[in-house]
Amino acid sequence: MTKSIIVAIDETNKDSFLNILDSLDSNLCMVKIGSVSFNALGHDIIHLAAEKGFDIFLDLKLHDIPNTVKKSIEGLSTLPIKMLTIHSSGGRLMMESAMEALKGTDIKVFGVTTLTSLSDIDTNQIYQRTAADQVDAMLDIAEEAKIDGVVCSPHELDLVTSRGSLLSITPGIRLSDLNDDQTRVMTPKQAIDLGSNYIVIGRPITGAEDISEALNTIYQSIN
């Protein structure tokens, strides 16, 4: 199960970012670089993480007209990354454009289905359907566009695994109820047992007193 753990590093200070990175083991995890660190620190941190041996998941959740997304991804494709994200609600043509931009590379495209911060109340207001129904609808489009996988909460993993055609990245992973901004959460072991290919863990590792020990404990729990 090596590298099924993706550690999210959301730092705006380069020294803080590198301190966390140096506390992690590239044999046990990948790292997620999202808009917080990417916008504050730029391309340098991606190269630094790669030089330290980490596989990188670039989580920018691109969402725009197809041609803009295609050109944006063509610009990002020269970076040493393994996976990136787009919003599946951008539609089939946008997702197909993302795949076209990465033709000839080994970078995988994952479509964000529904943010894990959204409850059924939220999704009913936004999409006029439950979170699970919204995820299911996005899975239909993701399959049509033939992207590599999707990002969904652990509570919708059964919808992904029942199809068999898509990889899954699962945020909303918690060791206990933190009463934070995530609403659809689950433990690492539960998510892996339900079929998640990759689990994203941020604060339970990066905010731990001993980051290395926290990573090792989670790694052992799912292996």
C-alpha atoms as a PDB file:
ATOM      1  CA  MET A   1       0.000   0.000   0.000  1.00  0.00           C
ATOM      2  CA  THR A   2       3.058   2.247  -0.385  1.00  0.00           C
ATOM      3  CA  LYS A   3       2.319   5.818  -1.501  1.00  0.00           C
ATOM      4  CA  SER A   4      -1.436   5.559  -0.916  1.00  0.00           C
ATOM      5  CA  ILE A   5      -1.015   8.357   1.653  1.00  0.00           C
ATOM      6  CA  ILE A   6      -0.894  11.897   0.268  1.00  0.00           C
ATOM      7  CA  VAL A   7       0.151  14.501   2.824  1.00  0.00           C
ATOM      8  CA  ALA A   8      -1.334  17.945   2.183  1.00  0.00           C
ATOM      9  CA  ILE A   9       1.102  20.755   2.929  1.00  0.00           C
ATOM     10  CA  ASP A  10      -0.677  24.106   3.057  1.00  0.00           C
ATOM     11  CA  GLU A  11       1.988  26.609   4.049  1.00  0.00           C
ATOM     12  CA  THR A  12       2.673  30.148   2.832  1.00  0.00           C
ATOM     13  CA  ASN A  13       6.103  30.329   4.447  1.00  0.00           C
ATOM     14  CA  LYS A  14       8.892  28.508   2.614  1.00  0.00           C
ATOM     15  CA  ASP A  15      10.789  27.523   5.767  1.00  0.00           C
ATOM     16  CA  SER A  16       7.623  26.069   7.307  1.00  0.00           C
ATOM     17  CA  PHE A  17       6.918  24.168   4.099  1.00  0.00           C
ATOM     18  CA  LEU A  18      10.438  22.716   4.017  1.00  0.00           C
ATOM     19  CA  ASN A  19      10.372  21.828   7.723  1.00  0.00           C
ATOM     20  CA  ILE A  20       7.264  19.724   7.156  1.00  0.00           C
ATOM     21  CA  LEU A  21       8.709  18.196   3.997  1.00  0.00           C
ATOM     22  CA  ASP A  22      11.923  17.241   5.807  1.00  0.00           C
ATOM     23  CA  SER A  23       9.876  15.495   8.507  1.00  0.00           C
ATOM     24  CA  LEU A  24       8.134  13.242   5.970  1.00  0.00           C
ATOM     25  CA  ASP A  25       9.369  10.028   4.340  1.00  0.00           C
ATOM     26  CA  SER A  26       9.079   9.915   0.552  1.00  0.00           C
ATOM     27  CA  ASN A  27       8.937   6.110   0.757  1.00  0.00           C
ATOM     28  CA  LEU A  28       5.710   6.286   2.760  1.00  0.00           C
ATOM     29  CA  CYS A  29       3.793   9.144   1.160  1.00  0.00           C
ATOM     30  CA  MET A  30       3.247  11.554  -1.674  1.00  0.00           C
ATOM     31  CA  VAL A  31       2.729  15.258  -1.045  1.00  0.00           C
ATOM     32  CA  LYS A  32      -0.164  17.456  -2.108  1.00  0.00           C
ATOM     33  CA  ILE A  33       0.612  21.005  -3.126  1.00  0.00           C
ATOM     34  CA  GLY A  34      -2.552  23.059  -3.450  1.00  0.00           C
ATOM     35  CA  SER A  35      -3.386  26.641  -4.240  1.00  0.00           C
ATOM     36  CA  VAL A  36      -2.330  27.914  -0.783  1.00  0.00           C
ATOM     37  CA  SER A  37       1.330  26.959  -1.160  1.00  0.00           C
ATOM     38  CA  PHE A  38       1.463  27.158  -4.965  1.00  0.00           C
ATOM     39  CA  ASN A  39       0.169  30.732  -5.046  1.00  0.00           C
ATOM     40  CA  ALA A  40       2.413  31.866  -2.197  1.00  0.00           C
ATOM     41  CA  LEU A  41       5.617  30.017  -3.045  1.00  0.00           C
ATOM     42  CA  GLY A  42       5.391  29.221  -6.762  1.00  0.00           C
ATOM     43  CA  HIS A  43       7.018  26.530  -8.867  1.00  0.00           C
ATOM     44  CA  ASP A  44      10.140  26.338  -6.691  1.00  0.00           C
ATOM     45  CA  ILE A  45       8.505  24.249  -3.994  1.00  0.00           C
ATOM     46  CA  ILE A  46       7.434  21.645  -6.550  1.00  0.00           C
ATOM     47  CA  HIS A  47      11.007  21.262  -7.782  1.00  0.00           C
ATOM     48  CA  LEU A  48      12.311  21.165  -4.198  1.00  0.00           C
ATOM     49  CA  ALA A  49       9.841  18.428  -3.225  1.00  0.00           C
ATOM     50  CA  ALA A  50      10.721  16.422  -6.335  1.00  0.00           C
ATOM     51  CA  GLU A  51      14.437  16.760  -5.620  1.00  0.00           C
ATOM     52  CA  LYS A  52      13.789  15.260  -2.186  1.00  0.00           C
ATOM     53  CA  GLY A  53      12.219  12.212  -3.843  1.00  0.00           C
ATOM     54  CA  PHE A  54       8.530  12.970  -3.368  1.00  0.00           C
ATOM     55  CA  ASP A  55       5.825  12.176  -5.907  1.00  0.00           C
ATOM     56  CA  ILE A  56       3.672  15.282  -6.210  1.00  0.00           C
ATOM     57  CA  PHE A  57      -0.075  15.757  -6.473  1.00  0.00           C
ATOM     58  CA  LEU A  58      -0.774  19.297  -7.716  1.00  0.00           C
ATOM     59  CA  ASP A  59      -4.233  20.192  -6.480  1.00  0.00           C
ATOM     60  CA  LEU A  60      -5.274  23.445  -8.164  1.00  0.00           C
ATOM     61  CA  LYS A  61      -8.832  22.353  -9.055  1.00  0.00           C
ATOM     62  CA  LEU A  62      -8.789  24.038 -12.458  1.00  0.00           C
ATOM     63  CA  HIS A  63     -12.222  25.155 -13.654  1.00  0.00           C
ATOM     64  CA  ASP A  64     -12.631  27.302 -16.764  1.00  0.00           C
ATOM     65  CA  ILE A  65     -13.558  27.087 -20.426  1.00  0.00           C
ATOM     66  CA  PRO A  66     -11.925  24.093 -22.176  1.00  0.00           C
ATOM     67  CA  ASN A  67      -9.272  26.029 -24.085  1.00  0.00           C
ATOM     68  CA  THR A  68      -8.123  27.943 -20.996  1.00  0.00           C
ATOM     69  CA  VAL A  69      -7.859  24.745 -18.960  1.00  0.00           C
ATOM     70  CA  LYS A  70      -5.957  23.053 -21.771  1.00  0.00           C
ATOM     71  CA  LYS A  71      -3.425  25.874 -22.047  1.00  0.00           C
ATOM     72  CA  SER A  72      -3.043  26.099 -18.263  1.00  0.00           C
ATOM     73  CA  ILE A  73      -2.313  22.378 -18.032  1.00  0.00           C
ATOM     74  CA  GLU A  74       0.124  22.508 -20.927  1.00  0.00           C
ATOM     75  CA  GLY A  75       2.044  25.072 -18.878  1.00  0.00           C
ATOM     76  CA  LEU A  76       1.942  22.889 -15.764  1.00  0.00           C
ATOM     77  CA  SER A  77       2.860  19.674 -17.584  1.00  0.00           C
ATOM     78  CA  THR A  78       6.566  20.598 -17.596  1.00  0.00           C
ATOM     79  CA  LEU A  79       6.621  20.444 -13.789  1.00  0.00           C
ATOM     80  CA  PRO A  80       7.708  17.193 -12.046  1.00  0.00           C
ATOM     81  CA  ILE A  81       4.192  16.205 -10.956  1.00  0.00           C
ATOM     82  CA  LYS A  82       2.338  12.884 -11.025  1.00  0.00           C
ATOM     83  CA  MET A  83      -1.287  14.009 -10.702  1.00  0.00           C
ATOM     84  CA  LEU A  84      -3.385  17.162 -10.965  1.00  0.00           C
ATOM     85  CA  THR A  85      -7.007  18.162 -10.423  1.00  0.00           C
ATOM     86  CA  ILE A  86      -9.759  19.833 -12.379  1.00  0.00           C
ATOM     87  CA  HIS A  87     -13.382  20.422 -11.410  1.00  0.00           C
ATOM     88  CA  SER A  88     -15.598  17.805 -13.041  1.00  0.00           C
ATOM     89  CA  SER A  89     -18.457  20.318 -13.033  1.00  0.00           C
ATOM     90  CA  GLY A  90     -16.552  22.065 -15.832  1.00  0.00           C
ATOM     91  CA  GLY A  91     -18.096  19.475 -18.125  1.00  0.00           C
ATOM     92  CA  ARG A  92     -17.050  16.726 -20.511  1.00  0.00           C
ATOM     93  CA  LEU A  93     -15.347  18.979 -23.072  1.00  0.00           C
ATOM     94  CA  MET A  94     -13.255  20.645 -20.401  1.00  0.00           C
ATOM     95  CA  MET A  95     -12.168  17.275 -19.019  1.00  0.00           C
ATOM     96  CA  GLU A  96     -11.339  15.979 -22.476  1.00  0.00           C
ATOM     97  CA  SER A  97      -9.254  19.100 -23.098  1.00  0.00           C
ATOM     98  CA  ALA A  98      -7.349  18.426 -19.879  1.00  0.00           C
ATOM     99  CA  MET A  99      -6.568  14.892 -21.018  1.00  0.00           C
ATOM    100  CA  GLU A 100      -5.489  16.153 -24.434  1.00  0.00           C
ATOM    101  CA  ALA A 101      -3.103  18.641 -22.825  1.00  0.00           C
ATOM    102  CA  LEU A 102      -1.317  15.783 -21.054  1.00  0.00           C
ATOM    103  CA  LYS A 103      -1.086  13.423 -24.004  1.00  0.00           C
ATOM    104  CA  GLY A 104       2.360  11.856 -24.087  1.00  0.00           C
ATOM    105  CA  THR A 105       2.974  12.383 -20.362  1.00  0.00           C
ATOM    106  CA  ASP A 106       2.362  10.077 -17.393  1.00  0.00           C
ATOM    107  CA  ILE A 107       0.512  12.763 -15.398  1.00  0.00           C
ATOM    108  CA  LYS A 108      -2.947  11.640 -14.281  1.00  0.00           C
ATOM    109  CA  VAL A 109      -6.046  13.848 -14.273  1.00  0.00           C
ATOM    110  CA  PHE A 110      -8.503  13.667 -11.368  1.00  0.00           C
ATOM    111  CA  GLY A 111     -11.862  15.398 -11.408  1.00  0.00           C
ATOM    112  CA  VAL A 112     -13.172  16.917  -8.183  1.00  0.00           C
ATOM    113  CA  THR A 113     -16.764  15.739  -7.788  1.00  0.00           C
ATOM    114  CA  THR A 114     -18.134  17.588  -4.754  1.00  0.00           C
ATOM    115  CA  LEU A 115     -16.077  19.419  -2.144  1.00  0.00           C
ATOM    116  CA  THR A 116     -15.898  17.548   1.164  1.00  0.00           C
ATOM    117  CA  SER A 117     -16.829  20.746   3.011  1.00  0.00           C
ATOM    118  CA  LEU A 118     -20.338  20.607   1.492  1.00  0.00           C
ATOM    119  CA  SER A 119     -23.201  18.982   3.353  1.00  0.00           C
ATOM    120  CA  ASP A 120     -26.463  17.794   1.799  1.00  0.00           C
ATOM    121  CA  ILE A 121     -27.987  21.118   2.790  1.00  0.00           C
ATOM    122  CA  ASP A 122     -25.302  22.905   0.774  1.00  0.00           C
ATOM    123  CA  THR A 123     -25.566  20.659  -2.276  1.00  0.00           C
ATOM    124  CA  ASN A 124     -29.349  20.942  -2.295  1.00  0.00           C
ATOM    125  CA  GLN A 125     -28.972  24.727  -2.355  1.00  0.00           C
ATOM    126  CA  ILE A 126     -26.325  24.670  -5.089  1.00  0.00           C
ATOM    127  CA  TYR A 127     -27.232  21.674  -7.256  1.00  0.00           C
ATOM    128  CA  GLN A 128     -30.762  20.832  -6.091  1.00  0.00           C
ATOM    129  CA  ARG A 129     -29.679  17.315  -5.106  1.00  0.00           C
ATOM    130  CA  THR A 130     -27.811  15.472  -2.349  1.00  0.00           C
ATOM    131  CA  ALA A 131     -24.024  15.242  -2.242  1.00  0.00           C
ATOM    132  CA  ALA A 132     -24.160  11.579  -3.252  1.00  0.00           C
ATOM    133  CA  ASP A 133     -26.427  12.323  -6.212  1.00  0.00           C
ATOM    134  CA  GLN A 134     -24.121  15.132  -7.325  1.00  0.00           C
ATOM    135  CA  VAL A 135     -21.075  12.864  -7.079  1.00  0.00           C
ATOM    136  CA  ASP A 136     -22.882  10.180  -9.087  1.00  0.00           C
ATOM    137  CA  ALA A 137     -23.735  12.680 -11.823  1.00  0.00           C
ATOM    138  CA  MET A 138     -20.120  13.855 -11.994  1.00  0.00           C
ATOM    139  CA  LEU A 139     -18.933  10.250 -12.230  1.00  0.00           C
ATOM    140  CA  ASP A 140     -21.070   9.783 -15.341  1.00  0.00           C
ATOM    141  CA  ILE A 141     -19.337  12.720 -17.034  1.00  0.00           C
ATOM    142  CA  ALA A 142     -15.882  11.657 -15.801  1.00  0.00           C
ATOM    143  CA  GLU A 143     -16.347   8.239 -17.378  1.00  0.00           C
ATOM    144  CA  GLU A 144     -17.521   9.772 -20.646  1.00  0.00           C
ATOM    145  CA  ALA A 145     -14.455  12.040 -20.740  1.00  0.00           C
ATOM    146  CA  LYS A 146     -12.178   9.093 -19.857  1.00  0.00           C
ATOM    147  CA  ILE A 147     -10.196  10.949 -17.216  1.00  0.00           C
ATOM    148  CA  ASP A 148      -8.033   8.893 -14.879  1.00  0.00           C
ATOM    149  CA  GLY A 149      -9.921   9.300 -11.642  1.00  0.00           C
ATOM    150  CA  VAL A 150     -11.977  11.429  -9.299  1.00  0.00           C
ATOM    151  CA  VAL A 151     -11.750  13.149  -5.946  1.00  0.00           C
ATOM    152  CA  CYS A 152     -14.629  12.346  -3.621  1.00  0.00           C
ATOM    153  CA  SER A 153     -15.367  12.081   0.079  1.00  0.00           C
ATOM    154  CA  PRO A 154     -15.017   8.619   1.636  1.00  0.00           C
ATOM    155  CA  HIS A 155     -18.790   8.485   1.965  1.00  0.00           C
ATOM    156  CA  GLU A 156     -19.179   8.273  -1.828  1.00  0.00           C
ATOM    157  CA  LEU A 157     -16.417   5.705  -2.438  1.00  0.00           C
ATOM    158  CA  ASP A 158     -18.904   2.935  -3.109  1.00  0.00           C
ATOM    159  CA  LEU A 159     -20.209   4.914  -6.080  1.00  0.00           C
ATOM    160  CA  VAL A 160     -16.690   5.008  -7.542  1.00  0.00           C
ATOM    161  CA  THR A 161     -15.634   1.437  -6.803  1.00  0.00           C
ATOM    162  CA  SER A 162     -18.876   0.029  -8.241  1.00  0.00           C
ATOM    163  CA  ARG A 163     -17.884   1.425 -11.645  1.00  0.00           C
ATOM    164  CA  GLY A 164     -14.343   0.070 -11.712  1.00  0.00           C
ATOM    165  CA  SER A 165     -13.119   2.523 -14.356  1.00  0.00           C
ATOM    166  CA  LEU A 166     -11.878   5.370 -12.168  1.00  0.00           C
ATOM    167  CA  LEU A 167      -9.156   5.777  -9.571  1.00  0.00           C
ATOM    168  CA  SER A 168     -10.108   7.591  -6.369  1.00  0.00           C
ATOM    169  CA  ILE A 169      -8.474  10.242  -4.223  1.00  0.00           C
ATOM    170  CA  THR A 170     -10.176  10.707  -0.874  1.00  0.00           C
ATOM    171  CA  PRO A 171      -9.841  13.895   1.195  1.00  0.00           C
ATOM    172  CA  GLY A 172     -11.797  14.399   4.411  1.00  0.00           C
ATOM    173  CA  ILE A 173      -9.590  11.926   6.293  1.00  0.00           C
ATOM    174  CA  ARG A 174      -9.522  12.431  10.037  1.00  0.00           C
ATOM    175  CA  LEU A 175      -8.216  10.423  12.996  1.00  0.00           C
ATOM    176  CA  SER A 176     -11.044  11.816  15.133  1.00  0.00           C
ATOM    177  CA  ASP A 177     -13.790  14.427  14.917  1.00  0.00           C
ATOM    178  CA  LEU A 178     -11.981  17.775  14.795  1.00  0.00           C
ATOM    179  CA  ASN A 179     -15.159  19.822  14.331  1.00  0.00           C
ATOM    180  CA  ASP A 180     -13.495  21.723  11.481  1.00  0.00           C
ATOM    181  CA  ASP A 181     -14.499  22.731   7.949  1.00  0.00           C
ATOM    182  CA  GLN A 182     -14.833  19.182   6.655  1.00  0.00           C
ATOM    183  CA  THR A 183     -18.275  17.588   6.967  1.00  0.00           C
ATOM    184  CA  ARG A 184     -18.049  14.216   5.190  1.00  0.00           C
ATOM    185  CA  VAL A 185     -15.077  12.548   6.901  1.00  0.00           C
ATOM    186  CA  MET A 186     -13.713   9.090   7.760  1.00  0.00           C
ATOM    187  CA  THR A 187     -10.602   7.452   9.261  1.00  0.00           C
ATOM    188  CA  PRO A 188      -7.671   6.352   7.036  1.00  0.00           C
ATOM    189  CA  LYS A 189      -8.315   2.626   7.578  1.00  0.00           C
ATOM    190  CA  GLN A 190     -12.027   2.954   6.850  1.00  0.00           C
ATOM    191  CA  ALA A 191     -11.370   4.790   3.578  1.00  0.00           C
ATOM    192  CA  ILE A 192      -8.756   2.278   2.403  1.00  0.00           C
ATOM    193  CA  ASP A 193     -11.040  -0.633   3.302  1.00  0.00           C
ATOM    194  CA  LEU A 194     -13.785   0.965   1.205  1.00  0.00           C
ATOM    195  CA  GLY A 195     -11.484   0.992  -1.809  1.00  0.00           C
ATOM    196  CA  SER A 196      -9.801   4.393  -1.855  1.00  0.00           C
ATOM    197  CA  ASN A 197      -6.629   4.395  -3.953  1.00  0.00           C
ATOM    198  CA  TYR A 198      -5.210   7.517  -2.314  1.00  0.00           C
ATOM    199  CA  ILE A 199      -6.116   9.213   0.954  1.00  0.00           C
ATOM    200  CA  VAL A 200      -5.308  12.886   1.550  1.00  0.00           C
ATOM    201  CA  ILE A 201      -4.322  13.800   5.088  1.00  0.00           C
ATOM    202  CA  GLY A 202      -3.282  17.276   6.136  1.00  0.00           C
ATOM    203  CA  ARG A 203      -3.550  18.652   9.650  1.00  0.00           C
ATOM    204  CA  PRO A 204      -3.548  15.280  11.499  1.00  0.00           C
ATOM    205  CA  ILE A 205       0.007  14.849  10.178  1.00  0.00           C
ATOM    206  CA  THR A 206       1.354  18.348   9.475  1.00  0.00           C
ATOM    207  CA  GLY A 207      -0.091  19.735  12.709  1.00  0.00           C
ATOM    208  CA  ALA A 208       1.183  16.871  14.871  1.00  0.00           C
ATOM    209  CA  GLU A 209       3.835  17.419  17.518  1.00  0.00           C
ATOM    210  CA  ASP A 210       5.901  14.680  15.847  1.00  0.00           C
ATOM    211  CA  ILE A 211       5.126  14.697  12.115  1.00  0.00           C
ATOM    212  CA  SER A 212       7.267  11.651  11.343  1.00  0.00           C
ATOM    213  CA  GLU A 213       5.613   9.586  14.070  1.00  0.00           C
ATOM    214  CA  ALA A 214       2.117  10.646  12.959  1.00  0.00           C
ATOM    215  CA  LEU A 215       2.857   9.571   9.376  1.00  0.00           C
ATOM    216  CA  ASN A 216       4.299   6.250  10.491  1.00  0.00           C
ATOM    217  CA  THR A 217       1.337   5.538  12.750  1.00  0.00           C
ATOM    218  CA  ILE A 218      -1.134   6.137   9.927  1.00  0.00           C
ATOM    219  CA  TYR A 219       0.990   4.142   7.480  1.00  0.00           C
ATOM    220  CA  GLN A 220       1.043   1.169   9.834  1.00  0.00           C
ATOM    221  CA  SER A 221      -2.711   1.434  10.453  1.00  0.00           C
ATOM    222  CA  ILE A 222      -3.545   0.939   6.768  1.00  0.00           C
ATOM    223  CA  ASN A 223      -0.958  -1.752   6.056  1.00  0.00           C
END
